[in-house]
Amino acid sequence: MNTLFDKIWDSHVVQNVQDGPTQLYIDRLYAHEVTSPQAFDTLRDKGLKVFRPDHVIAMPDHNTPSDQQERIDDPIGKKQVETLKANCEEFGIKHFTMGTKDNGIIHVVGPEKGLSLPGMTIVCGDSHTSTHGAVGALAMGIGTSEVAQVLASETILQSKPKSMRINIEGELQPGVTAKDVALYIMAQMTTSGATGYVVEYAGSTIRNMSMEGRLTLSNLSIEMGSRAGIIAPDETTFAYLKGREYAPKGAEWDKAVEYWKTLKSDDDAVFDKEVTYKAEDIAPRITYGTNPGAGIAVDGTVPTLESVGETEAAQLKSQLEYMQFQPGEKLEGKPVDYVFLGACTNGRIEDFRAFASIVKGKKKADNVVAWLVPGSWLVRQQIIDEGIDKILADAGFELRLPSCSACLAMNPDKVPAGKLAISTSNRNFVGRQGPGARTVLASPLTVAASAITGVITDPRTMI
């Protein structure tokens, strides 16, 4: 009667504190430059070493420029990146340095290198750690003090969350991607609808989804408030991981796969909450507000103030004023200033293939500034090897260097105040992509179509 979450959690319990949290063993800690410095300072203050440095992987990504990687001009960003390198050298941690073939966004690099594996417990001082749940791992974002706990002991104190299963059944329509599925679920559940839960995604739609799609879906779990998102490993997972740099090899691989095949919820498993959605109900999506759950179908209309409750109406009014949209209007056809393809949400090879499938043989709109940023150097090399870079160049686009880039305003790729960006990233909060910037979240297909027309465009018109 155990869920997949139960199986992974229970197998990692070190001890249960009476009337308190669980001490949970952690298999993998990822560290980047923004949230780790204080954790390493804590170790120094207490005279502690990193307990298992071989279980820790670090890399800079948030402050990394996407136009060149010889230097970081921002003094704060530069110090954070230099501090991470120094901490890794001092404590004996593997560090994937900026500008090298191993570097990229930590939530892209982990799975693609086979560092994130089924059955693992994975943590990082970053909310989108939920991404790694796509391989069948329990992956959670944690705070800086908790990063220090894991560095010192390879364990963490956690209260066990509740369990939820979200089933998606049926076949996705042409032009609908995993990003659209995630935005649809968020609109149905709201951004707090899964608070306190670990969510397992299941159903025929999920089983037929590629690993890149599953990574996108798991990445956005945190935007519903959930503690983690997880998908049972299957043949798609095994095919994706086989041969990866840090994945098991030979007999160890065969042994691992036998274990991984047991990582699924029992047929009679009971969840604290369960919901089901139909794939055919999902259209390409866009957001209209300042949280990822404020979304509609790309050809839909913004809600009216009268269609929501009094409290929601005040929130809607505030969001629309910031976004410079009107209640009840269509967003399709609205001019866009910036387009962004990338982030740990949609910076993988499948996302660039999708974008290229729309722009091939066409030309970028003159009014649009485009940032196309791979999630890792491996993805960038795949783009070149497959000739996608030439398709992009012929259409008037520049392929940039791996970085978190315009996902958040911590590097040079900032959207200017008042400008409207259509973005494949994960958050559309006020100022997320730059002070005063306005963000519409969408899939790579929708972003590509909008980059060609210069206005918010339904990708189904170009497929």
Protein backbone atom coordinates (compact mmCIF):
# COMPACT_ATOMS: atom_id res chain seq x y z
CA MET A 1 0.00 0.00 0.00
CA ASN A 2 3.02 2.27 -0.35
CA THR A 3 3.36 5.19 -2.73
CA LEU A 4 6.58 5.79 -4.65
CA PHE A 5 7.23 8.70 -2.30
CA ASP A 6 6.78 6.44 0.74
CA LYS A 7 9.25 3.90 -0.64
CA ILE A 8 12.01 6.45 -1.22
CA TRP A 9 11.37 8.32 2.04
CA ASP A 10 11.21 5.18 4.21
CA SER A 11 14.42 3.76 2.72
CA HIS A 12 16.29 6.96 3.66
CA VAL A 13 15.12 7.38 7.26
CA VAL A 14 18.07 7.47 9.65
CA GLN A 15 15.93 8.02 12.74
CA ASN A 16 12.60 9.48 13.75
CA VAL A 17 12.81 12.16 16.39
CA GLN A 18 10.08 11.67 18.99
CA ASP A 19 7.44 14.38 18.58
CA GLY A 20 9.74 15.94 16.00
CA PRO A 21 11.03 15.68 12.43
CA THR A 22 12.66 12.79 10.61
CA GLN A 23 16.40 12.61 10.10
CA LEU A 24 16.60 11.78 6.39
CA TYR A 25 19.72 10.58 4.57
CA ILE A 26 20.58 12.61 1.47
CA ASP A 27 22.24 10.99 -1.54
CA ARG A 28 23.09 14.12 -3.52
CA LEU A 29 23.57 17.78 -2.65
CA TYR A 30 23.79 20.31 -5.47
CA ALA A 31 25.28 23.72 -4.67
CA HIS A 32 25.38 26.92 -6.68
CA GLU A 33 26.89 30.31 -5.99
CA VAL A 34 23.89 32.13 -4.53
CA THR A 35 22.73 30.07 -1.54
CA SER A 36 25.87 28.16 -0.52
CA PRO A 37 28.37 30.76 0.88
CA GLN A 38 26.69 31.10 4.27
CA ALA A 39 26.46 27.32 4.60
CA PHE A 40 30.22 26.94 4.15
CA ASP A 41 30.77 29.77 6.65
CA THR A 42 28.69 27.78 9.16
CA LEU A 43 31.06 24.82 8.76
CA ARG A 44 34.06 27.05 9.39
CA ASP A 45 32.46 28.64 12.42
CA LYS A 46 31.83 25.21 13.93
CA GLY A 47 35.13 23.68 12.84
CA LEU A 48 33.42 21.05 10.68
CA LYS A 49 34.40 19.34 7.45
CA VAL A 50 32.11 18.25 4.60
CA PHE A 51 31.08 14.73 5.65
CA ARG A 52 30.93 13.17 2.17
CA PRO A 53 32.35 15.61 -0.39
CA ASP A 54 31.97 13.04 -3.20
CA HIS A 55 28.18 13.33 -2.78
CA VAL A 56 28.25 17.09 -3.46
CA ILE A 57 28.36 18.76 -6.89
CA ALA A 58 28.71 22.52 -7.32
CA MET A 59 28.52 24.92 -10.24
CA PRO A 60 27.74 28.60 -10.85
CA ASP A 61 24.69 29.36 -12.99
CA HIS A 62 22.59 32.28 -11.71
CA ASN A 63 25.22 34.99 -12.27
CA THR A 64 26.76 33.48 -15.40
CA PRO A 65 26.59 35.82 -18.44
CA SER A 66 25.17 34.39 -21.67
CA ASP A 67 27.00 36.71 -24.11
CA GLN A 68 30.56 35.92 -22.97
CA GLN A 69 32.08 34.00 -20.05
CA GLU A 70 35.53 35.52 -19.74
CA ARG A 71 34.42 37.74 -16.87
CA ILE A 72 31.53 38.83 -14.66
CA ASP A 73 31.19 42.60 -14.49
CA ASP A 74 28.74 42.77 -11.58
CA PRO A 75 30.86 42.87 -8.38
CA ILE A 76 28.34 40.94 -6.27
CA GLY A 77 27.88 38.22 -8.87
CA LYS A 78 31.63 37.99 -9.40
CA LYS A 79 32.24 37.59 -5.67
CA GLN A 80 29.60 34.86 -5.38
CA VAL A 81 31.14 32.85 -8.23
CA GLU A 82 34.68 33.27 -6.90
CA THR A 83 33.55 32.33 -3.39
CA LEU A 84 31.93 29.12 -4.63
CA LYS A 85 35.17 28.11 -6.37
CA ALA A 86 37.24 28.87 -3.26
CA ASN A 87 34.85 26.93 -1.01
CA CYS A 88 34.96 23.90 -3.31
CA GLU A 89 38.76 23.94 -3.33
CA GLU A 90 38.91 24.24 0.47
CA PHE A 91 36.39 21.49 1.19
CA GLY A 92 37.29 19.09 -1.66
CA ILE A 93 34.05 19.36 -3.64
CA LYS A 94 33.68 18.68 -7.37
CA HIS A 95 33.17 22.06 -9.07
CA PHE A 96 32.01 22.53 -12.65
CA THR A 97 33.58 25.89 -13.47
CA MET A 98 31.90 28.60 -15.55
CA GLY A 99 32.74 28.32 -19.24
CA THR A 100 33.79 24.66 -19.15
CA LYS A 101 32.05 21.77 -20.92
CA ASP A 102 30.69 20.42 -17.61
CA ASN A 103 28.97 23.67 -16.63
CA GLY A 104 25.41 24.81 -17.11
CA ILE A 105 22.25 25.28 -15.08
CA ILE A 106 22.50 22.89 -12.16
CA HIS A 107 19.02 21.42 -12.77
CA VAL A 108 19.87 20.68 -16.40
CA VAL A 109 23.36 19.30 -15.80
CA GLY A 110 22.38 16.92 -12.96
CA PRO A 111 20.06 14.66 -14.97
CA GLU A 112 22.00 14.88 -18.25
CA LYS A 113 25.21 13.70 -16.57
CA GLY A 114 23.50 10.85 -14.74
CA LEU A 115 24.21 12.47 -11.38
CA SER A 116 20.48 12.41 -10.58
CA LEU A 117 19.23 8.83 -10.48
CA PRO A 118 16.01 6.99 -9.55
CA GLY A 119 15.49 6.33 -5.87
CA MET A 120 17.82 9.09 -4.73
CA THR A 121 17.13 11.83 -2.25
CA ILE A 122 18.40 15.07 -3.77
CA VAL A 123 18.52 18.57 -2.29
CA CYS A 124 19.78 21.99 -3.32
CA GLY A 125 19.40 25.51 -1.97
CA ASP A 126 17.12 26.32 -4.88
CA SER A 127 13.35 25.95 -5.18
CA HIS A 128 13.44 24.32 -8.62
CA THR A 129 15.32 21.28 -7.32
CA SER A 130 11.98 19.53 -7.87
CA THR A 131 13.17 19.15 -11.50
CA HIS A 132 15.18 16.04 -10.60
CA GLY A 133 12.03 14.23 -9.49
CA ALA A 134 11.44 13.48 -13.17
CA VAL A 135 13.97 10.63 -12.98
CA GLY A 136 12.16 9.05 -10.05
CA ALA A 137 14.07 10.78 -7.26
CA LEU A 138 12.78 12.64 -4.21
CA ALA A 139 14.19 16.11 -4.91
CA MET A 140 13.55 19.12 -2.72
CA GLY A 141 14.69 22.72 -2.43
CA ILE A 142 16.09 23.60 1.00
CA GLY A 143 17.25 26.68 2.92
CA THR A 144 20.82 27.78 3.57
CA SER A 145 20.90 26.45 7.15
CA GLU A 146 19.71 23.09 5.82
CA VAL A 147 22.48 23.13 3.18
CA ALA A 148 24.92 23.41 6.08
CA GLN A 149 23.23 20.42 7.77
CA VAL A 150 23.68 18.27 4.67
CA LEU A 151 27.28 19.37 4.13
CA ALA A 152 28.15 18.43 7.70
CA SER A 153 26.16 15.20 8.08
CA GLU A 154 24.70 14.09 4.72
CA THR A 155 21.33 14.20 6.47
CA ILE A 156 18.52 16.68 6.95
CA LEU A 157 15.75 17.13 9.50
CA GLN A 158 12.39 17.11 7.74
CA SER A 159 8.76 16.51 8.65
CA LYS A 160 7.23 14.05 6.20
CA PRO A 161 4.94 15.83 3.70
CA LYS A 162 1.55 14.49 2.61
CA SER A 163 1.16 12.71 -0.74
CA MET A 164 -0.83 13.70 -3.80
CA ARG A 165 -1.21 12.02 -7.18
CA ILE A 166 -2.06 14.09 -10.25
CA ASN A 167 -3.20 11.91 -13.14
CA ILE A 168 -3.21 13.19 -16.71
CA GLU A 169 -4.98 10.85 -19.08
CA GLY A 170 -5.22 10.90 -22.88
CA GLU A 171 -3.24 12.22 -25.82
CA LEU A 172 -1.99 15.80 -26.02
CA GLN A 173 -3.20 17.77 -29.02
CA PRO A 174 -0.72 19.13 -31.63
CA GLY A 175 1.04 22.22 -30.34
CA VAL A 176 0.55 21.29 -26.68
CA THR A 177 3.70 20.60 -24.65
CA ALA A 178 4.66 19.60 -21.12
CA LYS A 179 4.97 23.30 -20.29
CA ASP A 180 1.33 23.80 -21.25
CA VAL A 181 0.37 20.82 -19.08
CA ALA A 182 2.16 22.37 -16.11
CA LEU A 183 0.61 25.81 -16.65
CA TYR A 184 -2.82 24.19 -16.99
CA ILE A 185 -2.43 22.24 -13.74
CA MET A 186 -1.29 25.39 -11.93
CA ALA A 187 -4.32 27.31 -13.15
CA GLN A 188 -6.59 24.52 -11.89
CA MET A 189 -4.80 23.93 -8.59
CA THR A 190 -3.71 27.55 -7.92
CA THR A 191 -0.20 28.39 -6.79
CA SER A 192 -0.93 27.07 -3.29
CA GLY A 193 -3.06 24.08 -4.21
CA ALA A 194 -0.33 21.52 -3.50
CA THR A 195 1.22 23.16 -0.44
CA GLY A 196 2.43 20.54 2.01
CA TYR A 197 2.37 17.69 -0.51
CA VAL A 198 4.82 15.68 -2.55
CA VAL A 199 3.13 15.28 -5.92
CA GLU A 200 3.41 12.17 -8.07
CA TYR A 201 2.52 12.70 -11.73
CA ALA A 202 0.91 9.66 -13.34
CA GLY A 203 -1.43 8.58 -16.12
CA SER A 204 -1.11 7.73 -19.81
CA THR A 205 -0.11 11.28 -20.79
CA ILE A 206 2.85 11.18 -18.40
CA ARG A 207 3.88 7.68 -19.50
CA ASN A 208 4.01 8.89 -23.10
CA MET A 209 5.95 12.05 -22.22
CA SER A 210 9.64 12.38 -23.08
CA MET A 211 12.24 12.81 -20.32
CA GLU A 212 12.67 16.46 -21.30
CA GLY A 213 8.92 16.95 -20.92
CA ARG A 214 8.91 15.21 -17.56
CA LEU A 215 11.79 17.41 -16.38
CA THR A 216 9.79 20.50 -17.38
CA LEU A 217 6.70 19.25 -15.52
CA SER A 218 8.62 18.35 -12.37
CA ASN A 219 10.49 21.66 -12.51
CA LEU A 220 7.24 23.59 -12.12
CA SER A 221 5.92 21.52 -9.19
CA ILE A 222 7.13 24.13 -6.73
CA GLU A 223 4.91 26.74 -8.41
CA MET A 224 1.85 24.93 -7.00
CA GLY A 225 3.39 25.09 -3.54
CA SER A 226 4.33 21.41 -3.48
CA ARG A 227 7.42 20.14 -1.67
CA ALA A 228 8.50 18.02 -4.63
CA GLY A 229 7.26 16.48 -7.86
CA ILE A 230 8.07 12.89 -8.78
CA ILE A 231 7.50 10.53 -11.71
CA ALA A 232 7.95 6.75 -11.52
CA PRO A 233 10.99 5.61 -13.53
CA ASP A 234 10.25 3.45 -16.57
CA GLU A 235 11.86 2.42 -19.87
CA THR A 236 11.89 6.07 -21.00
CA THR A 237 13.88 6.95 -17.88
CA PHE A 238 16.31 4.07 -18.31
CA ALA A 239 16.91 4.88 -22.00
CA TYR A 240 17.61 8.51 -21.10
CA LEU A 241 20.08 7.65 -18.32
CA LYS A 242 21.94 4.76 -19.96
CA GLY A 243 25.47 5.72 -20.94
CA ARG A 244 25.38 9.04 -19.09
CA GLU A 245 28.74 10.03 -17.63
CA TYR A 246 28.00 9.30 -13.97
CA ALA A 247 25.31 6.62 -14.43
CA PRO A 248 26.16 3.04 -13.40
CA LYS A 249 27.93 0.91 -16.04
CA GLY A 250 27.97 -2.78 -16.97
CA ALA A 251 26.76 -5.16 -14.28
CA GLU A 252 26.14 -2.24 -11.93
CA TRP A 253 23.74 -0.78 -14.49
CA ASP A 254 21.77 -4.03 -14.72
CA LYS A 255 21.59 -4.24 -10.94
CA ALA A 256 20.46 -0.63 -10.67
CA VAL A 257 17.71 -1.06 -13.27
CA GLU A 258 16.33 -4.08 -11.43
CA TYR A 259 15.99 -1.94 -8.31
CA TRP A 260 14.63 1.06 -10.21
CA LYS A 261 11.84 -1.11 -11.64
CA THR A 262 10.49 -1.52 -8.08
CA LEU A 263 10.19 2.24 -7.67
CA LYS A 264 6.51 2.73 -8.38
CA SER A 265 3.40 3.21 -6.30
CA ASP A 266 1.68 -0.05 -5.37
CA ASP A 267 -1.63 -0.73 -7.10
CA ASP A 268 -3.45 -0.31 -3.79
CA ALA A 269 -1.42 2.71 -2.64
CA VAL A 270 -3.50 5.39 -0.93
CA PHE A 271 -2.72 9.08 -1.46
CA ASP A 272 -3.82 11.90 0.81
CA LYS A 273 -5.27 13.60 -2.26
CA GLU A 274 -5.80 12.54 -5.88
CA VAL A 275 -6.96 14.50 -8.92
CA THR A 276 -7.33 13.65 -12.61
CA TYR A 277 -7.27 15.86 -15.70
CA LYS A 278 -7.92 15.09 -19.38
CA ALA A 279 -5.17 15.81 -21.89
CA GLU A 280 -7.69 16.87 -24.54
CA ASP A 281 -8.81 19.76 -22.31
CA ILE A 282 -5.35 21.34 -22.48
CA ALA A 283 -4.52 23.96 -25.13
CA PRO A 284 -1.31 25.98 -25.55
CA ARG A 285 -1.17 28.28 -22.50
CA ILE A 286 0.01 31.77 -21.59
CA THR A 287 -0.04 33.71 -18.34
CA TYR A 288 -1.68 37.09 -17.90
CA GLY A 289 -0.76 37.92 -14.29
CA THR A 290 2.18 37.95 -11.90
CA ASN A 291 2.14 34.35 -10.71
CA PRO A 292 2.43 31.18 -12.81
CA GLY A 293 -1.11 30.08 -11.94
CA ALA A 294 -2.66 33.19 -13.52
CA GLY A 295 -2.97 31.66 -16.97
CA ILE A 296 -5.35 31.06 -19.86
CA ALA A 297 -5.40 29.28 -23.20
CA VAL A 298 -3.40 31.29 -25.73
CA ASP A 299 -6.61 32.07 -27.64
CA GLY A 300 -8.62 32.66 -24.46
CA THR A 301 -9.59 35.85 -22.64
CA VAL A 302 -8.35 37.38 -19.40
CA PRO A 303 -10.84 36.87 -16.53
CA THR A 304 -13.13 39.76 -15.68
CA LEU A 305 -13.29 41.26 -12.20
CA GLU A 306 -16.92 40.15 -11.95
CA SER A 307 -16.02 36.51 -12.65
CA VAL A 308 -13.99 36.11 -9.45
CA GLY A 309 -14.60 36.72 -5.75
CA GLU A 310 -14.07 40.07 -4.02
CA THR A 311 -10.61 39.22 -2.65
CA GLU A 312 -9.55 37.65 -5.95
CA ALA A 313 -10.87 40.68 -7.84
CA ALA A 314 -8.54 43.01 -5.92
CA GLN A 315 -5.59 40.72 -6.65
CA LEU A 316 -6.56 40.41 -10.32
CA LYS A 317 -6.90 44.19 -10.66
CA SER A 318 -3.44 44.71 -9.17
CA GLN A 319 -1.86 42.08 -11.42
CA LEU A 320 -3.45 43.43 -14.58
CA GLU A 321 -2.43 47.00 -13.76
CA TYR A 322 1.19 45.87 -13.48
CA MET A 323 0.96 43.81 -16.67
CA GLN A 324 -0.86 46.64 -18.51
CA PHE A 325 -3.64 44.25 -19.56
CA GLN A 326 -7.40 44.73 -19.33
CA PRO A 327 -9.99 42.40 -17.77
CA GLY A 328 -11.85 40.36 -20.36
CA GLU A 329 -9.46 41.05 -23.25
CA LYS A 330 -7.63 38.60 -25.50
CA LEU A 331 -3.82 38.61 -25.29
CA GLU A 332 -3.34 36.90 -28.64
CA GLY A 333 -2.01 39.57 -31.01
CA LYS A 334 -0.42 41.72 -28.27
CA PRO A 335 3.02 43.02 -29.36
CA VAL A 336 6.00 41.50 -27.53
CA ASP A 337 9.38 43.16 -27.05
CA TYR A 338 11.54 40.27 -25.83
CA VAL A 339 11.47 36.50 -26.24
CA PHE A 340 13.43 34.12 -24.02
CA LEU A 341 14.05 30.43 -24.68
CA GLY A 342 15.92 28.73 -21.87
CA ALA A 343 16.05 28.28 -18.06
CA CYS A 344 15.95 25.04 -16.07
CA THR A 345 12.35 24.79 -17.28
CA ASN A 346 12.90 24.77 -21.05
CA GLY A 347 16.63 24.93 -21.79
CA ARG A 348 17.05 21.36 -23.06
CA ILE A 349 17.67 19.97 -26.55
CA GLU A 350 14.01 19.05 -27.13
CA ASP A 351 13.04 22.66 -26.42
CA PHE A 352 15.46 23.97 -29.04
CA ARG A 353 14.26 21.38 -31.55
CA ALA A 354 10.69 22.57 -30.94
CA PHE A 355 11.63 26.23 -31.31
CA ALA A 356 13.55 25.48 -34.53
CA SER A 357 10.62 23.52 -35.97
CA ILE A 358 8.55 26.72 -35.90
CA VAL A 359 11.15 29.28 -37.05
CA LYS A 360 12.73 27.20 -39.83
CA GLY A 361 12.49 29.02 -43.13
CA LYS A 362 11.05 32.15 -41.51
CA LYS A 363 12.51 35.42 -40.15
CA LYS A 364 12.47 36.89 -36.67
CA ALA A 365 10.25 39.96 -36.26
CA ASP A 366 12.26 43.19 -36.33
CA ASN A 367 10.66 44.51 -33.14
CA VAL A 368 11.74 41.52 -31.05
CA VAL A 369 14.91 41.05 -29.00
CA ALA A 370 15.57 37.32 -28.65
CA TRP A 371 17.68 35.48 -26.09
CA LEU A 372 18.08 31.78 -26.92
CA VAL A 373 20.12 30.28 -24.08
CA PRO A 374 20.95 26.56 -23.74
CA GLY A 375 20.75 25.05 -20.26
CA SER A 376 24.21 23.50 -20.49
CA TRP A 377 27.28 23.22 -22.70
CA LEU A 378 26.21 19.70 -23.62
CA VAL A 379 22.87 21.04 -24.89
CA ARG A 380 24.70 23.76 -26.80
CA GLN A 381 26.93 21.18 -28.46
CA GLN A 382 23.90 19.06 -29.40
CA ILE A 383 22.32 22.13 -30.99
CA ILE A 384 25.44 22.60 -33.13
CA ASP A 385 25.82 18.89 -33.94
CA GLU A 386 22.20 18.71 -35.16
CA GLY A 387 22.51 21.88 -37.27
CA ILE A 388 19.87 23.67 -35.23
CA ASP A 389 22.24 26.63 -34.81
CA LYS A 390 22.18 27.16 -38.58
CA ILE A 391 18.36 27.08 -38.69
CA LEU A 392 18.30 29.67 -35.90
CA ALA A 393 20.93 31.87 -37.57
CA ASP A 394 19.13 31.77 -40.93
CA ALA A 395 15.97 32.95 -39.15
CA GLY A 396 17.83 35.84 -37.53
CA PHE A 397 18.49 34.40 -34.08
CA GLU A 398 21.73 34.22 -32.09
CA LEU A 399 22.59 31.15 -30.01
CA ARG A 400 23.98 32.33 -26.68
CA LEU A 401 26.09 30.64 -23.98
CA PRO A 402 24.69 28.45 -21.18
CA SER A 403 23.31 30.42 -18.24
CA CYS A 404 20.19 30.98 -16.14
CA SER A 405 20.07 34.16 -18.24
CA ALA A 406 16.77 36.05 -18.34
CA CYS A 407 14.97 33.67 -15.98
CA LEU A 408 15.87 36.05 -13.18
CA ALA A 409 17.50 39.46 -12.96
CA MET A 410 20.85 38.31 -11.54
CA ASN A 411 22.98 38.61 -14.68
CA PRO A 412 23.19 41.00 -17.66
CA ASP A 413 20.11 39.56 -19.45
CA LYS A 414 17.52 41.87 -17.90
CA VAL A 415 14.27 42.90 -19.58
CA PRO A 416 13.90 46.73 -19.35
CA ALA A 417 11.11 48.28 -17.30
CA GLY A 418 7.72 48.26 -19.02
CA LYS A 419 8.81 45.92 -21.81
CA LEU A 420 6.83 42.73 -22.41
CA ALA A 421 8.71 39.43 -22.56
CA ILE A 422 7.27 36.09 -23.58
CA SER A 423 9.38 33.54 -21.79
CA THR A 424 9.84 29.79 -21.35
CA SER A 425 11.08 30.31 -17.79
CA ASN A 426 9.27 29.36 -14.60
CA ARG A 427 8.24 32.59 -12.88
CA ASN A 428 6.47 35.78 -13.91
CA PHE A 429 6.70 37.56 -10.56
CA VAL A 430 6.89 41.37 -10.43
CA GLY A 431 10.43 42.32 -11.47
CA ARG A 432 11.52 38.69 -11.94
CA GLN A 433 13.14 39.35 -15.32
CA GLY A 434 14.20 42.90 -14.48
CA PRO A 435 12.84 45.83 -12.43
CA GLY A 436 9.48 46.78 -13.93
CA ALA A 437 9.67 44.06 -16.60
CA ARG A 438 6.44 42.28 -17.64
CA THR A 439 6.51 38.54 -18.27
CA VAL A 440 4.16 36.17 -20.08
CA LEU A 441 5.07 32.50 -19.54
CA ALA A 442 4.62 30.08 -22.43
CA SER A 443 6.03 26.98 -24.13
CA PRO A 444 8.96 26.95 -26.61
CA LEU A 445 6.46 26.55 -29.48
CA THR A 446 4.40 29.57 -28.42
CA VAL A 447 7.52 31.65 -27.81
CA ALA A 448 8.88 30.69 -31.24
CA ALA A 449 5.65 31.60 -33.02
CA SER A 450 5.56 34.95 -31.19
CA ALA A 451 9.20 35.63 -32.08
CA ILE A 452 8.34 35.31 -35.78
CA THR A 453 5.15 37.39 -35.76
CA GLY A 454 6.21 39.92 -33.12
CA VAL A 455 2.93 39.41 -31.24
CA ILE A 456 1.57 36.74 -28.88
CA THR A 457 0.72 33.94 -31.30
CA ASP A 458 -1.01 30.56 -31.07
CA PRO A 459 1.63 28.06 -32.27
CA ARG A 460 -1.07 25.88 -33.79
CA THR A 461 -1.36 28.44 -36.58
CA MET A 462 2.23 27.63 -37.59
CA ILE A 463 2.36 23.86 -37.21
